[in-house]
Amino acid sequence: MASVEVPKIKLYTNYGCPWAGRVHIALGAQQIPFEEEQIDLKAPRTPEYLAINPRGKVPALAYNGEILTESAVIAQFIADLKSDGILPASGTPAGALERARVNWIVGAYFDNVNHQWNKLLAAKTDAEAVAAAEAYVQAVVKEVEPHLQSAAPYFDGSKKITLVEVLTGPFLLRLFSAAKHGLVPSTLVPQLAERAPKFSAWAQATISNPTVISIYNEDEVVAGFKERIAKARAA
């Protein structure tokens, strides 16, 4: 039987954007070939790109004459292009339940944890940064740690990355890079290891995965964080 030809995918991206990073990880994990075009986020968007995505943001993905935007939507679409990859098919009760678990933990992380990270970067004083770091740890302990008890090494015991790691990986990378370079309170990572050991082990496995780090440029990210923190402290 002849193989079915998959329509060409083109990704409009920027390597420095964690939201676009999600899509790179999804495509890599699913082993789906694609073309890419880098969008300069520091320059006004071209009329050509605004015709593709009027909001001017990345990522955007062109597939078979359709344009998809928003990283979570695109990652979900990529997950559904190939079954039994980063997300199980939804046609069975087990698959439907696993998808619900994925949605739950991703929602818990971004609704309750990740905004504490933004407060950390926006802290105007060391005391504010320490308080934000503690709030981050508390949120992880309460909202995320209970849902990672079966992680080994990835979500729900998976031996390969899932949609959970696809969606959280770029943000975990930035958290641990900031800690490595002394840009957040030194208590943050040790407290995570002590009070949220499952999260800590899962996060370390995620940020060590070759697909997750495939486009990540730590030096550029850290330089951006230093500039952002300096502006917050000077305000």
C-alpha atoms as a PDB file:
ATOM      1  CA  MET A   1       0.000   0.000   0.000  1.00  0.00           C
ATOM      2  CA  ALA A   2       1.360   3.419  -0.925  1.00  0.00           C
ATOM      3  CA  SER A   3       2.162   5.719   1.973  1.00  0.00           C
ATOM      4  CA  VAL A   4      -0.002   8.775   2.498  1.00  0.00           C
ATOM      5  CA  GLU A   5       1.877  11.990   1.813  1.00  0.00           C
ATOM      6  CA  VAL A   6       1.736  14.425   4.720  1.00  0.00           C
ATOM      7  CA  PRO A   7       1.180  18.034   3.615  1.00  0.00           C
ATOM      8  CA  LYS A   8       4.198  20.277   4.031  1.00  0.00           C
ATOM      9  CA  ILE A   9       4.484  22.127   7.325  1.00  0.00           C
ATOM     10  CA  LYS A  10       6.016  25.566   7.659  1.00  0.00           C
ATOM     11  CA  LEU A  11       6.707  27.001  11.096  1.00  0.00           C
ATOM     12  CA  TYR A  12       7.081  30.721  11.720  1.00  0.00           C
ATOM     13  CA  THR A  13       9.199  30.947  14.828  1.00  0.00           C
ATOM     14  CA  ASN A  14      11.834  32.641  16.924  1.00  0.00           C
ATOM     15  CA  TYR A  15      14.331  30.523  18.851  1.00  0.00           C
ATOM     16  CA  GLY A  16      14.296  32.893  21.812  1.00  0.00           C
ATOM     17  CA  CYS A  17      10.556  32.531  22.388  1.00  0.00           C
ATOM     18  CA  PRO A  18       9.521  29.778  24.835  1.00  0.00           C
ATOM     19  CA  TRP A  19       6.062  29.571  23.287  1.00  0.00           C
ATOM     20  CA  ALA A  20       7.584  28.843  19.884  1.00  0.00           C
ATOM     21  CA  GLY A  21       9.948  26.421  21.608  1.00  0.00           C
ATOM     22  CA  ARG A  22       6.944  24.278  22.485  1.00  0.00           C
ATOM     23  CA  VAL A  23       6.242  23.688  18.802  1.00  0.00           C
ATOM     24  CA  HIS A  24       9.844  22.811  17.984  1.00  0.00           C
ATOM     25  CA  ILE A  25       9.805  20.225  20.765  1.00  0.00           C
ATOM     26  CA  ALA A  26       6.487  18.781  19.579  1.00  0.00           C
ATOM     27  CA  LEU A  27       7.662  18.466  15.977  1.00  0.00           C
ATOM     28  CA  GLY A  28      10.947  16.920  17.072  1.00  0.00           C
ATOM     29  CA  ALA A  29       9.297  14.442  19.416  1.00  0.00           C
ATOM     30  CA  GLN A  30       6.825  13.416  16.718  1.00  0.00           C
ATOM     31  CA  GLN A  31       9.622  13.256  14.126  1.00  0.00           C
ATOM     32  CA  ILE A  32       7.661  15.380  11.673  1.00  0.00           C
ATOM     33  CA  PRO A  33       9.698  17.244   9.046  1.00  0.00           C
ATOM     34  CA  PHE A  34       9.039  20.945   8.562  1.00  0.00           C
ATOM     35  CA  GLU A  35      10.359  24.148   7.094  1.00  0.00           C
ATOM     36  CA  GLU A  36      10.866  27.202   9.260  1.00  0.00           C
ATOM     37  CA  GLU A  37      11.109  30.950   8.951  1.00  0.00           C
ATOM     38  CA  GLN A  38      12.628  33.053  11.709  1.00  0.00           C
ATOM     39  CA  ILE A  39      10.612  36.111  12.741  1.00  0.00           C
ATOM     40  CA  ASP A  40      12.558  38.993  14.272  1.00  0.00           C
ATOM     41  CA  LEU A  41      10.607  39.881  17.409  1.00  0.00           C
ATOM     42  CA  LYS A  42      12.663  43.030  17.998  1.00  0.00           C
ATOM     43  CA  ALA A  43      11.635  44.578  14.686  1.00  0.00           C
ATOM     44  CA  PRO A  44       8.241  45.675  13.362  1.00  0.00           C
ATOM     45  CA  ARG A  45       6.502  42.763  11.712  1.00  0.00           C
ATOM     46  CA  THR A  46       6.493  42.739   7.952  1.00  0.00           C
ATOM     47  CA  PRO A  47       3.211  43.090   6.065  1.00  0.00           C
ATOM     48  CA  GLU A  48       3.814  39.568   4.763  1.00  0.00           C
ATOM     49  CA  TYR A  49       3.917  38.103   8.261  1.00  0.00           C
ATOM     50  CA  LEU A  50       0.975  40.167   9.485  1.00  0.00           C
ATOM     51  CA  ALA A  51      -1.017  38.658   6.634  1.00  0.00           C
ATOM     52  CA  ILE A  52      -0.194  35.241   8.118  1.00  0.00           C
ATOM     53  CA  ASN A  53      -0.768  36.196  11.755  1.00  0.00           C
ATOM     54  CA  PRO A  54      -2.371  39.623  12.234  1.00  0.00           C
ATOM     55  CA  ARG A  55      -1.345  39.597  15.901  1.00  0.00           C
ATOM     56  CA  GLY A  56       2.288  39.465  14.839  1.00  0.00           C
ATOM     57  CA  LYS A  57       3.198  36.832  17.405  1.00  0.00           C
ATOM     58  CA  VAL A  58       5.001  33.516  17.107  1.00  0.00           C
ATOM     59  CA  PRO A  59       4.530  30.684  16.662  1.00  0.00           C
ATOM     60  CA  ALA A  60       2.353  30.307  13.611  1.00  0.00           C
ATOM     61  CA  LEU A  61       2.138  27.141  11.562  1.00  0.00           C
ATOM     62  CA  ALA A  62       1.044  26.681   7.957  1.00  0.00           C
ATOM     63  CA  TYR A  63      -0.423  23.284   7.095  1.00  0.00           C
ATOM     64  CA  ASN A  64      -2.304  22.307   3.957  1.00  0.00           C
ATOM     65  CA  GLY A  65      -3.499  25.851   3.308  1.00  0.00           C
ATOM     66  CA  GLU A  66      -4.486  26.499   6.924  1.00  0.00           C
ATOM     67  CA  ILE A  67      -2.765  28.779   9.440  1.00  0.00           C
ATOM     68  CA  LEU A  68      -2.685  27.775  13.092  1.00  0.00           C
ATOM     69  CA  THR A  69      -1.625  30.092  15.907  1.00  0.00           C
ATOM     70  CA  GLU A  70      -1.206  29.769  19.689  1.00  0.00           C
ATOM     71  CA  SER A  71       1.442  27.322  20.860  1.00  0.00           C
ATOM     72  CA  ALA A  72      -0.809  24.985  22.858  1.00  0.00           C
ATOM     73  CA  VAL A  73      -3.234  24.662  19.951  1.00  0.00           C
ATOM     74  CA  ILE A  74      -0.404  23.929  17.524  1.00  0.00           C
ATOM     75  CA  ALA A  75       1.232  21.411  19.875  1.00  0.00           C
ATOM     76  CA  GLN A  76      -2.086  19.604  20.323  1.00  0.00           C
ATOM     77  CA  PHE A  77      -2.527  19.494  16.551  1.00  0.00           C
ATOM     78  CA  ILE A  78       0.977  18.060  16.103  1.00  0.00           C
ATOM     79  CA  ALA A  79       0.252  15.482  18.798  1.00  0.00           C
ATOM     80  CA  ASP A  80      -2.847  14.378  16.907  1.00  0.00           C
ATOM     81  CA  LEU A  81      -1.023  14.058  13.581  1.00  0.00           C
ATOM     82  CA  LYS A  82       0.638  10.880  14.842  1.00  0.00           C
ATOM     83  CA  SER A  83      -1.028   8.542  17.302  1.00  0.00           C
ATOM     84  CA  ASP A  84       0.831   6.944  20.211  1.00  0.00           C
ATOM     85  CA  GLY A  85       3.478   9.649  20.174  1.00  0.00           C
ATOM     86  CA  ILE A  86       3.454  12.456  22.718  1.00  0.00           C
ATOM     87  CA  LEU A  87      -0.255  11.924  23.406  1.00  0.00           C
ATOM     88  CA  PRO A  88      -2.450   8.818  23.212  1.00  0.00           C
ATOM     89  CA  ALA A  89      -5.375   8.695  20.835  1.00  0.00           C
ATOM     90  CA  SER A  90      -8.684   9.827  22.302  1.00  0.00           C
ATOM     91  CA  GLY A  91     -10.800   6.978  20.917  1.00  0.00           C
ATOM     92  CA  THR A  92     -10.530   4.822  24.042  1.00  0.00           C
ATOM     93  CA  PRO A  93     -11.424   5.435  27.696  1.00  0.00           C
ATOM     94  CA  ALA A  94      -7.756   5.040  28.655  1.00  0.00           C
ATOM     95  CA  GLY A  95      -6.681   7.556  26.030  1.00  0.00           C
ATOM     96  CA  ALA A  96      -9.371  10.018  27.033  1.00  0.00           C
ATOM     97  CA  LEU A  97      -8.370   9.726  30.696  1.00  0.00           C
ATOM     98  CA  GLU A  98      -4.692  10.265  29.897  1.00  0.00           C
ATOM     99  CA  ARG A  99      -5.552  13.387  27.916  1.00  0.00           C
ATOM    100  CA  ALA A 100      -7.544  14.679  30.877  1.00  0.00           C
ATOM    101  CA  ARG A 101      -4.533  14.101  33.149  1.00  0.00           C
ATOM    102  CA  VAL A 102      -2.302  15.986  30.728  1.00  0.00           C
ATOM    103  CA  ASN A 103      -4.687  18.937  30.566  1.00  0.00           C
ATOM    104  CA  TRP A 104      -4.982  18.979  34.339  1.00  0.00           C
ATOM    105  CA  ILE A 105      -1.282  19.151  35.164  1.00  0.00           C
ATOM    106  CA  VAL A 106      -0.461  21.626  32.393  1.00  0.00           C
ATOM    107  CA  GLY A 107      -3.312  23.843  33.548  1.00  0.00           C
ATOM    108  CA  ALA A 108      -2.164  23.574  37.165  1.00  0.00           C
ATOM    109  CA  TYR A 109       1.377  24.560  36.218  1.00  0.00           C
ATOM    110  CA  PHE A 110       0.485  27.592  34.129  1.00  0.00           C
ATOM    111  CA  ASP A 111      -2.488  28.767  36.185  1.00  0.00           C
ATOM    112  CA  ASN A 112      -0.864  28.449  39.593  1.00  0.00           C
ATOM    113  CA  VAL A 113       2.924  28.143  39.269  1.00  0.00           C
ATOM    114  CA  ASN A 114       4.318  29.909  36.231  1.00  0.00           C
ATOM    115  CA  HIS A 115       2.944  33.335  37.151  1.00  0.00           C
ATOM    116  CA  GLN A 116       5.058  33.151  40.319  1.00  0.00           C
ATOM    117  CA  TRP A 117       8.062  32.909  38.012  1.00  0.00           C
ATOM    118  CA  ASN A 118       7.061  36.186  36.386  1.00  0.00           C
ATOM    119  CA  LYS A 119       6.858  37.772  39.837  1.00  0.00           C
ATOM    120  CA  LEU A 120      10.382  36.533  40.533  1.00  0.00           C
ATOM    121  CA  LEU A 121      11.759  38.288  37.475  1.00  0.00           C
ATOM    122  CA  ALA A 122       9.816  41.456  38.290  1.00  0.00           C
ATOM    123  CA  ALA A 123      10.981  41.650  41.924  1.00  0.00           C
ATOM    124  CA  LYS A 124      12.314  45.092  42.829  1.00  0.00           C
ATOM    125  CA  THR A 125      14.206  43.965  45.933  1.00  0.00           C
ATOM    126  CA  ASP A 126      15.945  40.858  47.241  1.00  0.00           C
ATOM    127  CA  ALA A 127      13.164  40.457  49.803  1.00  0.00           C
ATOM    128  CA  GLU A 128      10.523  40.447  47.064  1.00  0.00           C
ATOM    129  CA  ALA A 129      12.537  37.875  45.119  1.00  0.00           C
ATOM    130  CA  VAL A 130      12.828  35.587  48.150  1.00  0.00           C
ATOM    131  CA  ALA A 131       9.087  35.862  48.766  1.00  0.00           C
ATOM    132  CA  ALA A 132       8.329  35.092  45.112  1.00  0.00           C
ATOM    133  CA  ALA A 133      10.678  32.095  45.171  1.00  0.00           C
ATOM    134  CA  GLU A 134       8.928  30.724  48.245  1.00  0.00           C
ATOM    135  CA  ALA A 135       5.530  31.275  46.606  1.00  0.00           C
ATOM    136  CA  TYR A 136       6.785  29.369  43.551  1.00  0.00           C
ATOM    137  CA  VAL A 137       7.876  26.419  45.691  1.00  0.00           C
ATOM    138  CA  GLN A 138       4.611  26.407  47.627  1.00  0.00           C
ATOM    139  CA  ALA A 139       2.613  26.399  44.390  1.00  0.00           C
ATOM    140  CA  VAL A 140       4.643  23.488  43.012  1.00  0.00           C
ATOM    141  CA  VAL A 141       4.184  21.505  46.230  1.00  0.00           C
ATOM    142  CA  LYS A 142       0.438  22.084  46.310  1.00  0.00           C
ATOM    143  CA  GLU A 143      -0.554  22.060  42.647  1.00  0.00           C
ATOM    144  CA  VAL A 144       1.968  19.980  40.685  1.00  0.00           C
ATOM    145  CA  GLU A 145       3.872  17.581  42.946  1.00  0.00           C
ATOM    146  CA  PRO A 146       0.803  15.403  43.718  1.00  0.00           C
ATOM    147  CA  HIS A 147       0.310  14.733  39.989  1.00  0.00           C
ATOM    148  CA  LEU A 148       3.890  13.606  39.380  1.00  0.00           C
ATOM    149  CA  GLN A 149       4.009  10.657  41.754  1.00  0.00           C
ATOM    150  CA  SER A 150       4.178   8.192  38.850  1.00  0.00           C
ATOM    151  CA  ALA A 151       6.680  10.179  36.754  1.00  0.00           C
ATOM    152  CA  ALA A 152       9.520   7.845  35.717  1.00  0.00           C
ATOM    153  CA  PRO A 153      11.174   9.786  34.264  1.00  0.00           C
ATOM    154  CA  TYR A 154       8.431  11.598  32.351  1.00  0.00           C
ATOM    155  CA  PHE A 155       4.776  12.215  33.065  1.00  0.00           C
ATOM    156  CA  ASP A 156       2.730   9.197  34.139  1.00  0.00           C
ATOM    157  CA  GLY A 157       5.703   6.833  33.868  1.00  0.00           C
ATOM    158  CA  SER A 158       6.393   7.473  30.189  1.00  0.00           C
ATOM    159  CA  LYS A 159       9.872   6.626  28.932  1.00  0.00           C
ATOM    160  CA  LYS A 160       9.630   9.327  26.255  1.00  0.00           C
ATOM    161  CA  ILE A 161       8.482  12.899  26.536  1.00  0.00           C
ATOM    162  CA  THR A 162       4.761  13.575  26.452  1.00  0.00           C
ATOM    163  CA  LEU A 163       2.688  16.639  25.699  1.00  0.00           C
ATOM    164  CA  VAL A 164       3.245  17.684  29.327  1.00  0.00           C
ATOM    165  CA  GLU A 165       6.995  18.025  28.776  1.00  0.00           C
ATOM    166  CA  VAL A 166       6.424  19.639  25.379  1.00  0.00           C
ATOM    167  CA  LEU A 167       4.337  22.420  26.916  1.00  0.00           C
ATOM    168  CA  THR A 168       6.339  22.980  30.103  1.00  0.00           C
ATOM    169  CA  GLY A 169       9.873  22.212  28.913  1.00  0.00           C
ATOM    170  CA  PRO A 170      10.827  25.669  27.579  1.00  0.00           C
ATOM    171  CA  PHE A 171       9.785  27.262  30.868  1.00  0.00           C
ATOM    172  CA  LEU A 172      11.559  24.699  33.036  1.00  0.00           C
ATOM    173  CA  LEU A 173      14.723  25.334  31.034  1.00  0.00           C
ATOM    174  CA  ARG A 174      14.526  29.029  31.823  1.00  0.00           C
ATOM    175  CA  LEU A 175      13.876  28.447  35.511  1.00  0.00           C
ATOM    176  CA  PHE A 176      16.927  26.259  35.999  1.00  0.00           C
ATOM    177  CA  SER A 177      19.141  28.441  33.796  1.00  0.00           C
ATOM    178  CA  ALA A 178      18.276  31.447  35.945  1.00  0.00           C
ATOM    179  CA  ALA A 179      19.080  29.468  39.081  1.00  0.00           C
ATOM    180  CA  LYS A 180      22.353  28.202  37.609  1.00  0.00           C
ATOM    181  CA  HIS A 181      23.487  31.762  36.888  1.00  0.00           C
ATOM    182  CA  GLY A 182      22.452  33.183  40.258  1.00  0.00           C
ATOM    183  CA  LEU A 183      19.561  35.259  38.944  1.00  0.00           C
ATOM    184  CA  VAL A 184      17.047  33.905  41.460  1.00  0.00           C
ATOM    185  CA  PRO A 185      17.413  33.262  45.203  1.00  0.00           C
ATOM    186  CA  SER A 186      19.849  30.429  45.910  1.00  0.00           C
ATOM    187  CA  THR A 187      17.210  28.705  48.046  1.00  0.00           C
ATOM    188  CA  LEU A 188      14.867  28.012  45.127  1.00  0.00           C
ATOM    189  CA  VAL A 189      16.309  24.836  43.594  1.00  0.00           C
ATOM    190  CA  PRO A 190      17.319  23.199  46.927  1.00  0.00           C
ATOM    191  CA  GLN A 191      13.840  23.878  48.299  1.00  0.00           C
ATOM    192  CA  LEU A 192      12.254  22.295  45.233  1.00  0.00           C
ATOM    193  CA  ALA A 193      14.464  19.222  45.649  1.00  0.00           C
ATOM    194  CA  GLU A 194      13.590  18.927  49.341  1.00  0.00           C
ATOM    195  CA  ARG A 195       9.885  19.723  49.302  1.00  0.00           C
ATOM    196  CA  ALA A 196       8.905  18.612  45.785  1.00  0.00           C
ATOM    197  CA  PRO A 197      11.301  15.748  44.957  1.00  0.00           C
ATOM    198  CA  LYS A 198       9.114  14.264  42.226  1.00  0.00           C
ATOM    199  CA  PHE A 199       8.827  17.627  40.493  1.00  0.00           C
ATOM    200  CA  SER A 200      12.556  18.210  40.827  1.00  0.00           C
ATOM    201  CA  ALA A 201      13.494  14.826  39.337  1.00  0.00           C
ATOM    202  CA  TRP A 202      10.924  15.166  36.559  1.00  0.00           C
ATOM    203  CA  ALA A 203      12.089  18.682  35.714  1.00  0.00           C
ATOM    204  CA  GLN A 204      15.731  17.589  35.567  1.00  0.00           C
ATOM    205  CA  ALA A 205      14.837  14.728  33.230  1.00  0.00           C
ATOM    206  CA  THR A 206      12.854  17.112  31.048  1.00  0.00           C
ATOM    207  CA  ILE A 207      15.559  19.761  30.712  1.00  0.00           C
ATOM    208  CA  SER A 208      18.142  17.071  29.925  1.00  0.00           C
ATOM    209  CA  ASN A 209      16.155  15.639  27.020  1.00  0.00           C
ATOM    210  CA  PRO A 210      17.878  16.314  23.662  1.00  0.00           C
ATOM    211  CA  THR A 211      14.618  17.199  21.928  1.00  0.00           C
ATOM    212  CA  VAL A 212      13.670  19.694  24.641  1.00  0.00           C
ATOM    213  CA  ILE A 213      17.008  21.514  24.446  1.00  0.00           C
ATOM    214  CA  SER A 214      17.383  21.290  20.656  1.00  0.00           C
ATOM    215  CA  ILE A 215      17.042  25.039  19.933  1.00  0.00           C
ATOM    216  CA  TYR A 216      17.686  26.423  23.420  1.00  0.00           C
ATOM    217  CA  ASN A 217      20.414  29.067  23.687  1.00  0.00           C
ATOM    218  CA  GLU A 218      21.123  29.490  27.386  1.00  0.00           C
ATOM    219  CA  ASP A 219      23.549  32.385  26.961  1.00  0.00           C
ATOM    220  CA  GLU A 220      21.011  34.477  25.067  1.00  0.00           C
ATOM    221  CA  VAL A 221      18.220  33.648  27.503  1.00  0.00           C
ATOM    222  CA  VAL A 222      20.346  34.509  30.537  1.00  0.00           C
ATOM    223  CA  ALA A 223      21.426  37.796  28.957  1.00  0.00           C
ATOM    224  CA  GLY A 224      17.777  38.668  28.415  1.00  0.00           C
ATOM    225  CA  PHE A 225      16.929  37.807  32.012  1.00  0.00           C
ATOM    226  CA  LYS A 226      19.755  39.989  33.316  1.00  0.00           C
ATOM    227  CA  GLU A 227      18.449  42.927  31.306  1.00  0.00           C
ATOM    228  CA  ARG A 228      14.881  42.316  32.457  1.00  0.00           C
ATOM    229  CA  ILE A 229      15.877  42.026  36.121  1.00  0.00           C
ATOM    230  CA  ALA A 230      18.033  45.159  35.930  1.00  0.00           C
ATOM    231  CA  LYS A 231      15.110  47.139  34.519  1.00  0.00           C
ATOM    232  CA  ALA A 232      12.796  45.854  37.259  1.00  0.00           C
ATOM    233  CA  ARG A 233      15.268  46.805  39.984  1.00  0.00           C
ATOM    234  CA  ALA A 234      15.824  50.253  38.476  1.00  0.00           C
ATOM    235  CA  ALA A 235      12.131  51.081  38.127  1.00  0.00           C
END
